[in-house]
All heavy atoms as atom14 arrays in JSON, in Angstrom:
{
  "sequence": "NYIDHAHEAGMPVPAEPIIFTKATSSIIGPNDDVLLPPTSVKS",
  "atom14_mask": [
    [1, 1, 1, 1, 1, 1, 1, 1, 0, 0, 0, 0, 0, 0],
    [1, 1, 1, 1, 1, 1, 1, 1, 1, 1, 1, 1, 0, 0],
    [1, 1, 1, 1, 1, 1, 1, 1, 0, 0, 0, 0, 0, 0],
    [1, 1, 1, 1, 1, 1, 1, 1, 0, 0, 0, 0, 0, 0],
    [1, 1, 1, 1, 1, 1, 1, 1, 1, 1, 0, 0, 0, 0],
    [1, 1, 1, 1, 1, 0, 0, 0, 0, 0, 0, 0, 0, 0],
    [1, 1, 1, 1, 1, 1, 1, 1, 1, 1, 0, 0, 0, 0],
    [1, 1, 1, 1, 1, 1, 1, 1, 1, 0, 0, 0, 0, 0],
    [1, 1, 1, 1, 1, 0, 0, 0, 0, 0, 0, 0, 0, 0],
    [1, 1, 1, 1, 0, 0, 0, 0, 0, 0, 0, 0, 0, 0],
    [1, 1, 1, 1, 1, 1, 1, 1, 0, 0, 0, 0, 0, 0],
    [1, 1, 1, 1, 1, 1, 1, 0, 0, 0, 0, 0, 0, 0],
    [1, 1, 1, 1, 1, 1, 1, 0, 0, 0, 0, 0, 0, 0],
    [1, 1, 1, 1, 1, 1, 1, 0, 0, 0, 0, 0, 0, 0],
    [1, 1, 1, 1, 1, 0, 0, 0, 0, 0, 0, 0, 0, 0],
    [1, 1, 1, 1, 1, 1, 1, 1, 1, 0, 0, 0, 0, 0],
    [1, 1, 1, 1, 1, 1, 1, 0, 0, 0, 0, 0, 0, 0],
    [1, 1, 1, 1, 1, 1, 1, 1, 0, 0, 0, 0, 0, 0],
    [1, 1, 1, 1, 1, 1, 1, 1, 0, 0, 0, 0, 0, 0],
    [1, 1, 1, 1, 1, 1, 1, 1, 1, 1, 1, 0, 0, 0],
    [1, 1, 1, 1, 1, 1, 1, 0, 0, 0, 0, 0, 0, 0],
    [1, 1, 1, 1, 1, 1, 1, 1, 1, 0, 0, 0, 0, 0],
    [1, 1, 1, 1, 1, 0, 0, 0, 0, 0, 0, 0, 0, 0],
    [1, 1, 1, 1, 1, 1, 1, 0, 0, 0, 0, 0, 0, 0],
    [1, 1, 1, 1, 1, 1, 0, 0, 0, 0, 0, 0, 0, 0],
    [1, 1, 1, 1, 1, 1, 0, 0, 0, 0, 0, 0, 0, 0],
    [1, 1, 1, 1, 1, 1, 1, 1, 0, 0, 0, 0, 0, 0],
    [1, 1, 1, 1, 1, 1, 1, 1, 0, 0, 0, 0, 0, 0],
    [1, 1, 1, 1, 0, 0, 0, 0, 0, 0, 0, 0, 0, 0],
    [1, 1, 1, 1, 1, 1, 1, 0, 0, 0, 0, 0, 0, 0],
    [1, 1, 1, 1, 1, 1, 1, 1, 0, 0, 0, 0, 0, 0],
    [1, 1, 1, 1, 1, 1, 1, 1, 0, 0, 0, 0, 0, 0],
    [1, 1, 1, 1, 1, 1, 1, 1, 0, 0, 0, 0, 0, 0],
    [1, 1, 1, 1, 1, 1, 1, 0, 0, 0, 0, 0, 0, 0],
    [1, 1, 1, 1, 1, 1, 1, 1, 0, 0, 0, 0, 0, 0],
    [1, 1, 1, 1, 1, 1, 1, 1, 0, 0, 0, 0, 0, 0],
    [1, 1, 1, 1, 1, 1, 1, 0, 0, 0, 0, 0, 0, 0],
    [1, 1, 1, 1, 1, 1, 1, 0, 0, 0, 0, 0, 0, 0],
    [1, 1, 1, 1, 1, 1, 1, 0, 0, 0, 0, 0, 0, 0],
    [1, 1, 1, 1, 1, 1, 0, 0, 0, 0, 0, 0, 0, 0],
    [1, 1, 1, 1, 1, 1, 1, 0, 0, 0, 0, 0, 0, 0],
    [1, 1, 1, 1, 1, 1, 1, 1, 1, 0, 0, 0, 0, 0],
    [1, 1, 1, 1, 1, 1, 0, 0, 0, 0, 0, 0, 0, 0]
  ],
  "atom14_positions": [
    [[5.69, 20.13, -36.19], [4.5, 20.03, -37.04], [4.8, 20.16, -38.53], [3.9, 20.29, -39.33], [3.45, 21.06, -36.61], [2.05, 20.7, -37.07], [1.78, 19.55, -37.43], [1.17, 21.67, -37.08], [0.0, 0.0, 0.0], [0.0, 0.0, 0.0], [0.0, 0.0, 0.0], [0.0, 0.0, 0.0], [0.0, 0.0, 0.0], [0.0, 0.0, 0.0]],
    [[6.08, 20.17, -38.89], [6.52, 20.06, -40.28], [7.46, 18.87, -40.35], [8.39, 18.77, -39.53], [7.23, 21.33, -40.75], [6.34, 22.54, -40.94], [5.9, 23.28, -39.85], [5.95, 22.95, -42.22], [5.09, 24.39, -40.02], [5.15, 24.06, -42.39], [4.72, 24.78, -41.29], [3.92, 25.88, -41.46], [0.0, 0.0, 0.0], [0.0, 0.0, 0.0]],
    [[7.26, 17.97, -41.31], [8.06, 16.75, -41.37], [9.55, 17.06, -41.45], [10.37, 16.46, -40.75], [7.62, 15.87, -42.57], [6.21, 15.31, -42.32], [8.61, 14.73, -42.79], [5.66, 14.53, -43.49], [0.0, 0.0, 0.0], [0.0, 0.0, 0.0], [0.0, 0.0, 0.0], [0.0, 0.0, 0.0], [0.0, 0.0, 0.0], [0.0, 0.0, 0.0]],
    [[9.92, 18.03, -42.31], [11.34, 18.34, -42.49], [11.96, 18.89, -41.21], [13.14, 18.68, -40.95], [11.52, 19.35, -43.62], [11.24, 18.74, -44.99], [11.14, 17.51, -45.06], [11.12, 19.5, -45.97], [0.0, 0.0, 0.0], [0.0, 0.0, 0.0], [0.0, 0.0, 0.0], [0.0, 0.0, 0.0], [0.0, 0.0, 0.0], [0.0, 0.0, 0.0]],
    [[11.16, 19.62, -40.41], [11.69, 20.13, -39.14], [11.91, 18.98, -38.15], [12.9, 18.97, -37.41], [10.76, 21.18, -38.55], [11.19, 21.66, -37.19], [12.44, 22.18, -36.94], [10.53, 21.7, -35.99], [12.54, 22.51, -35.67], [11.4, 22.22, -35.07], [0.0, 0.0, 0.0], [0.0, 0.0, 0.0], [0.0, 0.0, 0.0], [0.0, 0.0, 0.0]],
    [[11.0, 18.02, -38.12], [11.19, 16.85, -37.26], [12.47, 16.12, -37.64], [13.25, 15.69, -36.77], [9.98, 15.93, -37.35], [0.0, 0.0, 0.0], [0.0, 0.0, 0.0], [0.0, 0.0, 0.0], [0.0, 0.0, 0.0], [0.0, 0.0, 0.0], [0.0, 0.0, 0.0], [0.0, 0.0, 0.0], [0.0, 0.0, 0.0], [0.0, 0.0, 0.0]],
    [[12.71, 15.99, -38.95], [13.91, 15.3, -39.41], [15.16, 16.06, -38.99], [16.14, 15.45, -38.53], [13.87, 15.12, -40.92], [12.85, 14.12, -41.37], [12.41, 14.03, -42.69], [12.16, 13.17, -40.69], [11.51, 13.06, -42.79], [11.34, 12.53, -41.59], [0.0, 0.0, 0.0], [0.0, 0.0, 0.0], [0.0, 0.0, 0.0], [0.0, 0.0, 0.0]],
    [[15.17, 17.4, -39.16], [16.38, 18.15, -38.82], [16.63, 18.15, -37.32], [17.76, 18.31, -36.87], [16.3, 19.58, -39.36], [15.36, 20.51, -38.62], [15.44, 21.95, -39.09], [16.36, 22.29, -39.86], [14.55, 22.75, -38.7], [0.0, 0.0, 0.0], [0.0, 0.0, 0.0], [0.0, 0.0, 0.0], [0.0, 0.0, 0.0], [0.0, 0.0, 0.0]],
    [[15.55, 18.02, -36.53], [15.69, 17.96, -35.08], [16.1, 16.57, -34.6], [16.39, 16.39, -33.41], [14.38, 18.37, -34.41], [0.0, 0.0, 0.0], [0.0, 0.0, 0.0], [0.0, 0.0, 0.0], [0.0, 0.0, 0.0], [0.0, 0.0, 0.0], [0.0, 0.0, 0.0], [0.0, 0.0, 0.0], [0.0, 0.0, 0.0], [0.0, 0.0, 0.0]],
    [[16.1, 15.59, -35.52], [16.46, 14.23, -35.15], [15.4, 13.56, -34.3], [15.73, 12.69, -33.48], [0.0, 0.0, 0.0], [0.0, 0.0, 0.0], [0.0, 0.0, 0.0], [0.0, 0.0, 0.0], [0.0, 0.0, 0.0], [0.0, 0.0, 0.0], [0.0, 0.0, 0.0], [0.0, 0.0, 0.0], [0.0, 0.0, 0.0], [0.0, 0.0, 0.0]],
    [[14.14, 13.95, -34.49], [13.06, 13.4, -33.68], [12.03, 12.74, -34.58], [11.87, 13.11, -35.75], [12.39, 14.51, -32.87], [13.32, 15.2, -31.89], [12.49, 16.52, -30.98], [13.85, 17.17, -30.01], [0.0, 0.0, 0.0], [0.0, 0.0, 0.0], [0.0, 0.0, 0.0], [0.0, 0.0, 0.0], [0.0, 0.0, 0.0], [0.0, 0.0, 0.0]],
    [[11.31, 11.74, -34.07], [10.31, 11.05, -34.9], [9.15, 11.98, -35.26], [8.8, 12.88, -34.49], [9.84, 9.89, -34.01], [10.18, 10.32, -32.62], [11.41, 11.16, -32.72], [0.0, 0.0, 0.0], [0.0, 0.0, 0.0], [0.0, 0.0, 0.0], [0.0, 0.0, 0.0], [0.0, 0.0, 0.0], [0.0, 0.0, 0.0], [0.0, 0.0, 0.0]],
    [[8.58, 11.76, -36.43], [7.39, 12.51, -36.83], [6.24, 12.13, -35.9], [5.96, 10.94, -35.73], [7.02, 12.2, -38.3], [5.72, 12.89, -38.68], [8.16, 12.63, -39.23], [0.0, 0.0, 0.0], [0.0, 0.0, 0.0], [0.0, 0.0, 0.0], [0.0, 0.0, 0.0], [0.0, 0.0, 0.0], [0.0, 0.0, 0.0], [0.0, 0.0, 0.0]],
    [[5.62, 13.08, -35.26], [4.6, 12.74, -34.25], [3.35, 12.13, -34.87], [2.91, 12.51, -35.96], [4.28, 14.1, -33.6], [4.7, 15.12, -34.61], [5.84, 14.54, -35.37], [0.0, 0.0, 0.0], [0.0, 0.0, 0.0], [0.0, 0.0, 0.0], [0.0, 0.0, 0.0], [0.0, 0.0, 0.0], [0.0, 0.0, 0.0], [0.0, 0.0, 0.0]],
    [[2.77, 11.18, -34.14], [1.52, 10.57, -34.56], [0.32, 11.43, -34.17], [-0.75, 11.34, -34.78], [1.38, 9.18, -33.94], [0.0, 0.0, 0.0], [0.0, 0.0, 0.0], [0.0, 0.0, 0.0], [0.0, 0.0, 0.0], [0.0, 0.0, 0.0], [0.0, 0.0, 0.0], [0.0, 0.0, 0.0], [0.0, 0.0, 0.0], [0.0, 0.0, 0.0]],
    [[0.49, 12.24, -33.14], [-0.52, 13.2, -32.7], [0.19, 14.52, -32.42], [1.41, 14.54, -32.18], [-1.21, 12.73, -31.4], [-2.01, 11.46, -31.54], [-2.79, 11.13, -30.26], [-3.25, 12.06, -29.58], [-2.91, 9.94, -29.95], [0.0, 0.0, 0.0], [0.0, 0.0, 0.0], [0.0, 0.0, 0.0], [0.0, 0.0, 0.0], [0.0, 0.0, 0.0]],
    [[-0.54, 15.64, -32.46], [0.09, 16.93, -32.18], [0.75, 16.95, -30.8], [0.2, 16.46, -29.82], [-1.07, 17.92, -32.26], [-2.06, 17.26, -33.18], [-1.95, 15.8, -32.89], [0.0, 0.0, 0.0], [0.0, 0.0, 0.0], [0.0, 0.0, 0.0], [0.0, 0.0, 0.0], [0.0, 0.0, 0.0], [0.0, 0.0, 0.0], [0.0, 0.0, 0.0]],
    [[1.97, 17.51, -30.76], [2.68, 17.73, -29.5], [2.3, 19.12, -29.0], [2.49, 20.11, -29.7], [4.2, 17.64, -29.71], [4.6, 16.23, -30.16], [4.95, 18.05, -28.45], [6.04, 16.12, -30.6], [0.0, 0.0, 0.0], [0.0, 0.0, 0.0], [0.0, 0.0, 0.0], [0.0, 0.0, 0.0], [0.0, 0.0, 0.0], [0.0, 0.0, 0.0]],
    [[1.77, 19.19, -27.79], [1.33, 20.47, -27.22], [2.28, 20.88, -26.1], [2.62, 20.08, -25.24], [-0.1, 20.37, -26.63], [-1.09, 19.85, -27.68], [-0.55, 21.72, -26.09], [-2.46, 19.54, -27.1], [0.0, 0.0, 0.0], [0.0, 0.0, 0.0], [0.0, 0.0, 0.0], [0.0, 0.0, 0.0], [0.0, 0.0, 0.0], [0.0, 0.0, 0.0]],
    [[2.73, 22.13, -26.14], [3.46, 22.69, -25.0], [3.02, 24.14, -24.83], [2.36, 24.71, -25.7], [4.97, 22.57, -25.17], [5.54, 23.28, -26.36], [5.98, 24.6, -26.27], [5.67, 22.63, -27.58], [6.51, 25.24, -27.38], [6.2, 23.27, -28.7], [6.63, 24.59, -28.59], [0.0, 0.0, 0.0], [0.0, 0.0, 0.0], [0.0, 0.0, 0.0]],
    [[3.37, 24.71, -23.7], [2.95, 26.08, -23.42], [4.13, 27.04, -23.47], [5.28, 26.66, -23.24], [2.29, 26.2, -22.03], [3.24, 25.82, -21.04], [1.07, 25.31, -21.93], [0.0, 0.0, 0.0], [0.0, 0.0, 0.0], [0.0, 0.0, 0.0], [0.0, 0.0, 0.0], [0.0, 0.0, 0.0], [0.0, 0.0, 0.0], [0.0, 0.0, 0.0]],
    [[3.83, 28.28, -23.77], [4.8, 29.35, -23.79], [4.29, 30.4, -22.81], [3.13, 30.83, -22.91], [4.89, 29.93, -25.21], [6.15, 30.7, -25.52], [6.2, 30.98, -27.02], [7.45, 31.75, -27.38], [8.64, 30.89, -27.45], [0.0, 0.0, 0.0], [0.0, 0.0, 0.0], [0.0, 0.0, 0.0], [0.0, 0.0, 0.0], [0.0, 0.0, 0.0]],
    [[5.09, 30.8, -21.86], [4.62, 31.74, -20.84], [4.16, 33.04, -21.49], [4.82, 33.56, -22.39], [5.75, 32.03, -19.85], [0.0, 0.0, 0.0], [0.0, 0.0, 0.0], [0.0, 0.0, 0.0], [0.0, 0.0, 0.0], [0.0, 0.0, 0.0], [0.0, 0.0, 0.0], [0.0, 0.0, 0.0], [0.0, 0.0, 0.0], [0.0, 0.0, 0.0]],
    [[3.03, 33.55, -21.03], [2.54, 34.82, -21.59], [3.47, 35.98, -21.25], [3.44, 37.01, -21.93], [1.11, 35.12, -21.1], [1.09, 35.13, -19.67], [0.13, 34.08, -21.62], [0.0, 0.0, 0.0], [0.0, 0.0, 0.0], [0.0, 0.0, 0.0], [0.0, 0.0, 0.0], [0.0, 0.0, 0.0], [0.0, 0.0, 0.0], [0.0, 0.0, 0.0]],
    [[4.32, 35.81, -20.23], [5.3, 36.85, -19.9], [6.4, 36.95, -20.95], [7.23, 37.87, -20.91], [5.91, 36.59, -18.52], [6.42, 35.28, -18.43], [0.0, 0.0, 0.0], [0.0, 0.0, 0.0], [0.0, 0.0, 0.0], [0.0, 0.0, 0.0], [0.0, 0.0, 0.0], [0.0, 0.0, 0.0], [0.0, 0.0, 0.0], [0.0, 0.0, 0.0]],
    [[6.43, 36.01, -21.9], [7.41, 36.07, -22.99], [6.97, 37.02, -24.1], [7.78, 37.38, -24.97], [7.62, 34.67, -23.59], [6.49, 34.27, -24.37], [0.0, 0.0, 0.0], [0.0, 0.0, 0.0], [0.0, 0.0, 0.0], [0.0, 0.0, 0.0], [0.0, 0.0, 0.0], [0.0, 0.0, 0.0], [0.0, 0.0, 0.0], [0.0, 0.0, 0.0]],
    [[5.72, 37.45, -24.07], [5.15, 38.2, -25.19], [5.75, 39.6, -25.29], [5.86, 40.33, -24.29], [3.62, 38.29, -25.05], [2.99, 36.9, -25.26], [3.03, 39.29, -26.05], [1.51, 36.86, -24.96], [0.0, 0.0, 0.0], [0.0, 0.0, 0.0], [0.0, 0.0, 0.0], [0.0, 0.0, 0.0], [0.0, 0.0, 0.0], [0.0, 0.0, 0.0]],
    [[6.15, 39.98, -26.51], [6.58, 41.33, -26.83], [5.99, 41.71, -28.18], [5.38, 40.89, -28.87], [8.11, 41.45, -26.86], [8.72, 40.47, -27.89], [8.71, 41.25, -25.48], [10.23, 40.66, -28.11], [0.0, 0.0, 0.0], [0.0, 0.0, 0.0], [0.0, 0.0, 0.0], [0.0, 0.0, 0.0], [0.0, 0.0, 0.0], [0.0, 0.0, 0.0]],
    [[6.19, 42.97, -28.57], [5.75, 43.41, -29.88], [6.62, 42.84, -30.98], [7.72, 42.31, -30.74], [0.0, 0.0, 0.0], [0.0, 0.0, 0.0], [0.0, 0.0, 0.0], [0.0, 0.0, 0.0], [0.0, 0.0, 0.0], [0.0, 0.0, 0.0], [0.0, 0.0, 0.0], [0.0, 0.0, 0.0], [0.0, 0.0, 0.0], [0.0, 0.0, 0.0]],
    [[6.17, 42.96, -32.24], [6.84, 42.3, -33.35], [8.23, 42.83, -33.66], [9.04, 42.12, -34.26], [5.9, 42.54, -34.53], [5.14, 43.78, -34.16], [4.96, 43.69, -32.68], [0.0, 0.0, 0.0], [0.0, 0.0, 0.0], [0.0, 0.0, 0.0], [0.0, 0.0, 0.0], [0.0, 0.0, 0.0], [0.0, 0.0, 0.0], [0.0, 0.0, 0.0]],
    [[8.52, 44.06, -33.25], [9.81, 44.66, -33.56], [10.6, 45.04, -32.31], [11.58, 45.78, -32.39], [9.61, 45.89, -34.45], [8.85, 45.55, -35.72], [9.12, 44.55, -36.36], [7.89, 46.39, -36.09], [0.0, 0.0, 0.0], [0.0, 0.0, 0.0], [0.0, 0.0, 0.0], [0.0, 0.0, 0.0], [0.0, 0.0, 0.0], [0.0, 0.0, 0.0]],
    [[10.15, 44.55, -31.15], [10.88, 44.82, -29.92], [12.17, 43.99, -29.87], [12.29, 42.97, -30.54], [10.01, 44.47, -28.7], [8.83, 45.41, -28.53], [8.86, 46.51, -29.12], [7.88, 45.04, -27.81], [0.0, 0.0, 0.0], [0.0, 0.0, 0.0], [0.0, 0.0, 0.0], [0.0, 0.0, 0.0], [0.0, 0.0, 0.0], [0.0, 0.0, 0.0]],
    [[13.12, 44.44, -29.05], [14.37, 43.7, -28.9], [14.14, 42.34, -28.25], [13.32, 42.21, -27.33], [15.35, 44.48, -28.04], [15.91, 45.72, -28.73], [15.73, 45.85, -29.96], [16.53, 46.55, -28.04], [0.0, 0.0, 0.0], [0.0, 0.0, 0.0], [0.0, 0.0, 0.0], [0.0, 0.0, 0.0], [0.0, 0.0, 0.0], [0.0, 0.0, 0.0]],
    [[14.88, 41.34, -28.72], [14.93, 40.04, -28.08], [16.14, 40.04, -27.14], [17.25, 40.36, -27.57], [15.06, 38.91, -29.12], [15.47, 37.6, -28.47], [13.76, 38.75, -29.88], [0.0, 0.0, 0.0], [0.0, 0.0, 0.0], [0.0, 0.0, 0.0], [0.0, 0.0, 0.0], [0.0, 0.0, 0.0], [0.0, 0.0, 0.0], [0.0, 0.0, 0.0]],
    [[15.92, 39.69, -25.88], [16.97, 39.68, -24.88], [17.34, 38.25, -24.52], [16.49, 37.5, -24.02], [16.54, 40.45, -23.63], [16.14, 41.91, -23.85], [15.71, 42.54, -22.52], [17.28, 42.7, -24.47], [0.0, 0.0, 0.0], [0.0, 0.0, 0.0], [0.0, 0.0, 0.0], [0.0, 0.0, 0.0], [0.0, 0.0, 0.0], [0.0, 0.0, 0.0]],
    [[18.58, 37.86, -24.77], [19.03, 36.52, -24.44], [19.19, 36.39, -22.93], [19.76, 37.27, -22.28], [20.37, 36.23, -25.12], [20.41, 36.32, -26.65], [21.83, 36.06, -27.15], [19.43, 35.32, -27.28], [0.0, 0.0, 0.0], [0.0, 0.0, 0.0], [0.0, 0.0, 0.0], [0.0, 0.0, 0.0], [0.0, 0.0, 0.0], [0.0, 0.0, 0.0]],
    [[18.69, 35.31, -22.32], [18.88, 35.11, -20.88], [20.37, 35.13, -20.53], [21.22, 34.78, -21.36], [18.27, 33.73, -20.63], [17.29, 33.53, -21.74], [17.89, 34.22, -22.93], [0.0, 0.0, 0.0], [0.0, 0.0, 0.0], [0.0, 0.0, 0.0], [0.0, 0.0, 0.0], [0.0, 0.0, 0.0], [0.0, 0.0, 0.0], [0.0, 0.0, 0.0]],
    [[20.71, 35.51, -19.3], [22.12, 35.64, -18.92], [22.95, 34.38, -19.14], [24.13, 34.45, -19.47], [22.05, 35.99, -17.43], [20.72, 36.64, -17.25], [19.8, 35.95, -18.22], [0.0, 0.0, 0.0], [0.0, 0.0, 0.0], [0.0, 0.0, 0.0], [0.0, 0.0, 0.0], [0.0, 0.0, 0.0], [0.0, 0.0, 0.0], [0.0, 0.0, 0.0]],
    [[22.33, 33.2, -18.97], [23.08, 31.95, -19.12], [22.82, 31.25, -20.44], [23.21, 30.09, -20.63], [22.75, 30.98, -17.96], [21.35, 30.68, -17.98], [23.11, 31.6, -16.61], [0.0, 0.0, 0.0], [0.0, 0.0, 0.0], [0.0, 0.0, 0.0], [0.0, 0.0, 0.0], [0.0, 0.0, 0.0], [0.0, 0.0, 0.0], [0.0, 0.0, 0.0]],
    [[22.16, 31.93, -21.37], [21.81, 31.29, -22.64], [23.05, 31.05, -23.49], [23.9, 31.92, -23.66], [20.84, 32.18, -23.42], [20.68, 31.72, -24.75], [0.0, 0.0, 0.0], [0.0, 0.0, 0.0], [0.0, 0.0, 0.0], [0.0, 0.0, 0.0], [0.0, 0.0, 0.0], [0.0, 0.0, 0.0], [0.0, 0.0, 0.0], [0.0, 0.0, 0.0]],
    [[23.14, 29.83, -24.04], [24.2, 29.5, -24.99], [23.65, 28.91, -26.29], [24.38, 28.78, -27.27], [25.21, 28.5, -24.37], [25.99, 29.16, -23.23], [24.53, 27.23, -23.88], [0.0, 0.0, 0.0], [0.0, 0.0, 0.0], [0.0, 0.0, 0.0], [0.0, 0.0, 0.0], [0.0, 0.0, 0.0], [0.0, 0.0, 0.0], [0.0, 0.0, 0.0]],
    [[22.36, 28.56, -26.31], [21.79, 27.9, -27.49], [20.41, 28.46, -27.83], [19.44, 27.72, -28.0], [21.69, 26.38, -27.25], [23.04, 25.69, -27.08], [22.89, 24.18, -26.91], [24.26, 23.51, -26.76], [24.13, 22.03, -26.59], [0.0, 0.0, 0.0], [0.0, 0.0, 0.0], [0.0, 0.0, 0.0], [0.0, 0.0, 0.0], [0.0, 0.0, 0.0]],
    [[20.3, 29.76, -27.96], [19.02, 30.38, -28.32], [18.82, 30.3, -29.83], [19.76, 30.44, -30.62], [18.96, 31.82, -27.84], [18.79, 31.87, -26.44], [0.0, 0.0, 0.0], [0.0, 0.0, 0.0], [0.0, 0.0, 0.0], [0.0, 0.0, 0.0], [0.0, 0.0, 0.0], [0.0, 0.0, 0.0], [0.0, 0.0, 0.0], [0.0, 0.0, 0.0]]
  ]
}
Protein backbone atom coordinates (compact mmCIF):
# COMPACT_ATOMS: atom_id res chain seq x y z
CA ASN A 1 0.00 0.00 0.00
CA TYR A 2 3.04 2.28 -0.43
CA ILE A 3 4.38 2.70 -3.97
CA ASP A 4 8.03 2.55 -2.89
CA HIS A 5 7.41 -0.67 -0.96
CA ALA A 6 5.79 -2.27 -4.03
CA HIS A 7 8.85 -1.29 -6.04
CA GLU A 8 11.33 -2.70 -3.51
CA ALA A 9 9.32 -5.94 -3.38
CA GLY A 10 9.52 -6.19 -7.17
CA MET A 11 5.73 -6.33 -7.46
CA PRO A 12 3.31 -4.21 -9.50
CA VAL A 13 1.52 -1.33 -7.80
CA PRO A 14 -1.95 -2.70 -7.05
CA ALA A 15 -4.99 -1.31 -8.82
CA GLU A 16 -7.16 -2.28 -5.84
CA PRO A 17 -6.25 -2.94 -2.20
CA ILE A 18 -4.72 -6.37 -1.57
CA ILE A 19 -6.39 -7.97 1.46
CA PHE A 20 -4.91 -10.79 3.52
CA THR A 21 -5.46 -12.05 7.03
CA LYS A 22 -3.15 -12.34 10.01
CA ALA A 23 -4.04 -15.00 12.58
CA THR A 24 -5.25 -13.51 15.85
CA SER A 25 -3.03 -16.07 17.61
CA SER A 26 -0.08 -13.97 16.37
CA ILE A 27 -1.06 -11.08 18.64
CA ILE A 28 1.29 -10.04 21.45
CA GLY A 29 1.93 -6.88 23.42
CA PRO A 30 4.02 -4.05 21.96
CA ASN A 31 7.18 -4.93 23.90
CA ASP A 32 6.86 -8.70 24.15
CA ASP A 33 9.56 -10.93 22.65
CA VAL A 34 9.26 -11.94 19.01
CA LEU A 35 9.93 -15.67 18.59
CA LEU A 36 11.22 -16.86 15.22
CA PRO A 37 9.60 -20.14 14.06
CA PRO A 38 11.95 -23.14 14.29
CA THR A 39 12.38 -23.34 10.50
CA SER A 40 12.38 -19.61 9.80
CA VAL A 41 15.18 -18.32 7.57
CA LYS A 42 13.62 -15.13 6.14
CA SER A 43 11.73 -13.31 8.90
